[in-house]
Amino acid sequence: MSILGKAADFFRKSFPKNVGKSERNIRLIVGLALVGLSFSDSVTPSQEFWLVALGWLGIMSGLIGHCPIYGLLGKNTAKDEEG
């Protein structure tokens, strides 16, 4: 097995999907909007930091399909959309 295959297996086991497809799309859109908003001239540097940080969290959880907070709470919206 290649290194990329091993890495993919590691991430699949370490970060199981717990975010459903529709919610993933919403997280991506909101995350992109927050990062985009950070480029506005009316945003202070402190606000810019938080917009980018929250935006990247949304983007990454949308792409990966795993939310650490959902994992801690035992919530799984991915299984709600199965079959």
C-alpha atoms as a PDB file:
ATOM      1  CA  MET A   1       0.000   0.000   0.000  1.00  0.00           C
ATOM      2  CA  SER A   2       1.313   3.451  -0.876  1.00  0.00           C
ATOM      3  CA  ILE A   3       1.943   6.202   1.625  1.00  0.00           C
ATOM      4  CA  LEU A   4      -1.112   8.096   0.357  1.00  0.00           C
ATOM      5  CA  GLY A   5      -3.271   5.003   0.834  1.00  0.00           C
ATOM      6  CA  LYS A   6      -2.016   4.575   4.394  1.00  0.00           C
ATOM      7  CA  ALA A   7      -2.641   8.247   5.114  1.00  0.00           C
ATOM      8  CA  ALA A   8      -6.187   7.981   3.717  1.00  0.00           C
ATOM      9  CA  ASP A   9      -6.876   4.932   5.916  1.00  0.00           C
ATOM     10  CA  PHE A  10      -5.518   6.764   8.956  1.00  0.00           C
ATOM     11  CA  PHE A  11      -7.767   9.789   8.373  1.00  0.00           C
ATOM     12  CA  ARG A  12     -10.814   7.602   7.675  1.00  0.00           C
ATOM     13  CA  LYS A  13     -10.327   5.785  10.984  1.00  0.00           C
ATOM     14  CA  SER A  14      -9.364   8.877  13.002  1.00  0.00           C
ATOM     15  CA  PHE A  15     -12.028  11.196  11.616  1.00  0.00           C
ATOM     16  CA  PRO A  16     -15.187   9.196  10.828  1.00  0.00           C
ATOM     17  CA  LYS A  17     -17.860  11.081   8.915  1.00  0.00           C
ATOM     18  CA  ASN A  18     -20.437  12.531  11.282  1.00  0.00           C
ATOM     19  CA  VAL A  19     -21.743  15.437   9.168  1.00  0.00           C
ATOM     20  CA  GLY A  20     -24.422  14.833   6.525  1.00  0.00           C
ATOM     21  CA  LYS A  21     -24.101  15.936   2.891  1.00  0.00           C
ATOM     22  CA  SER A  22     -26.553  18.838   3.043  1.00  0.00           C
ATOM     23  CA  GLU A  23     -24.969  20.160   6.232  1.00  0.00           C
ATOM     24  CA  ARG A  24     -21.507  19.806   4.687  1.00  0.00           C
ATOM     25  CA  ASN A  25     -22.614  21.996   1.779  1.00  0.00           C
ATOM     26  CA  ILE A  26     -23.981  24.618   4.165  1.00  0.00           C
ATOM     27  CA  ARG A  27     -20.751  24.583   6.176  1.00  0.00           C
ATOM     28  CA  LEU A  28     -18.714  25.074   2.996  1.00  0.00           C
ATOM     29  CA  ILE A  29     -20.831  27.994   1.811  1.00  0.00           C
ATOM     30  CA  VAL A  30     -20.869  29.735   5.207  1.00  0.00           C
ATOM     31  CA  GLY A  31     -17.140  29.098   5.676  1.00  0.00           C
ATOM     32  CA  LEU A  32     -16.307  30.586   2.289  1.00  0.00           C
ATOM     33  CA  ALA A  33     -18.550  33.567   3.028  1.00  0.00           C
ATOM     34  CA  LEU A  34     -16.828  34.209   6.372  1.00  0.00           C
ATOM     35  CA  VAL A  35     -13.353  34.040   4.832  1.00  0.00           C
ATOM     36  CA  GLY A  36     -14.510  36.295   2.007  1.00  0.00           C
ATOM     37  CA  LEU A  37     -15.975  38.762   4.484  1.00  0.00           C
ATOM     38  CA  SER A  38     -12.615  39.003   6.207  1.00  0.00           C
ATOM     39  CA  PHE A  39     -11.286  40.848   3.142  1.00  0.00           C
ATOM     40  CA  SER A  40     -13.740  43.695   3.717  1.00  0.00           C
ATOM     41  CA  ASP A  41     -12.238  47.075   4.580  1.00  0.00           C
ATOM     42  CA  SER A  42     -14.703  47.582   7.429  1.00  0.00           C
ATOM     43  CA  VAL A  43     -13.349  44.599   9.400  1.00  0.00           C
ATOM     44  CA  THR A  44     -10.821  45.154  12.188  1.00  0.00           C
ATOM     45  CA  PRO A  45      -7.772  42.853  12.456  1.00  0.00           C
ATOM     46  CA  SER A  46      -9.280  41.127  15.491  1.00  0.00           C
ATOM     47  CA  GLN A  47     -12.553  40.509  13.653  1.00  0.00           C
ATOM     48  CA  GLU A  48     -10.595  39.355  10.608  1.00  0.00           C
ATOM     49  CA  PHE A  49      -8.823  36.706  12.682  1.00  0.00           C
ATOM     50  CA  TRP A  50     -12.077  35.256  14.009  1.00  0.00           C
ATOM     51  CA  LEU A  51     -13.806  35.365  10.629  1.00  0.00           C
ATOM     52  CA  VAL A  52     -10.942  33.447   9.029  1.00  0.00           C
ATOM     53  CA  ALA A  53     -10.668  30.981  11.929  1.00  0.00           C
ATOM     54  CA  LEU A  54     -14.392  30.183  11.953  1.00  0.00           C
ATOM     55  CA  GLY A  55     -14.506  30.171   8.169  1.00  0.00           C
ATOM     56  CA  TRP A  56     -11.702  27.619   7.935  1.00  0.00           C
ATOM     57  CA  LEU A  57     -13.378  25.426  10.549  1.00  0.00           C
ATOM     58  CA  GLY A  58     -16.521  25.418   8.426  1.00  0.00           C
ATOM     59  CA  ILE A  59     -14.616  24.760   5.228  1.00  0.00           C
ATOM     60  CA  MET A  60     -12.573  21.914   6.699  1.00  0.00           C
ATOM     61  CA  SER A  61     -15.502  20.194   8.414  1.00  0.00           C
ATOM     62  CA  GLY A  62     -17.441  20.558   5.171  1.00  0.00           C
ATOM     63  CA  LEU A  63     -14.669  18.996   3.104  1.00  0.00           C
ATOM     64  CA  ILE A  64     -13.721  16.239   5.544  1.00  0.00           C
ATOM     65  CA  GLY A  65     -17.231  15.501   6.801  1.00  0.00           C
ATOM     66  CA  HIS A  66     -16.114  15.315  10.429  1.00  0.00           C
ATOM     67  CA  CYS A  67     -16.987  17.732  13.229  1.00  0.00           C
ATOM     68  CA  PRO A  68     -14.997  17.255  16.472  1.00  0.00           C
ATOM     69  CA  ILE A  69     -17.743  18.861  18.556  1.00  0.00           C
ATOM     70  CA  TYR A  70     -20.297  16.424  17.140  1.00  0.00           C
ATOM     71  CA  GLY A  71     -17.902  13.620  18.084  1.00  0.00           C
ATOM     72  CA  LEU A  72     -17.732  14.827  21.691  1.00  0.00           C
ATOM     73  CA  LEU A  73     -21.519  15.149  21.872  1.00  0.00           C
ATOM     74  CA  GLY A  74     -22.166  11.823  20.151  1.00  0.00           C
ATOM     75  CA  LYS A  75     -24.129  13.546  17.382  1.00  0.00           C
ATOM     76  CA  ASN A  76     -24.078  12.164  13.840  1.00  0.00           C
ATOM     77  CA  THR A  77     -26.075  13.830  11.056  1.00  0.00           C
ATOM     78  CA  ALA A  78     -24.383  11.689   8.387  1.00  0.00           C
ATOM     79  CA  LYS A  79     -26.306   8.580   9.437  1.00  0.00           C
ATOM     80  CA  ASP A  80     -29.606  10.553   9.240  1.00  0.00           C
ATOM     81  CA  GLU A  81     -29.124  10.779   5.460  1.00  0.00           C
ATOM     82  CA  GLU A  82     -28.252   7.105   4.863  1.00  0.00           C
ATOM     83  CA  GLY A  83     -30.557   4.830   2.901  1.00  0.00           C
END
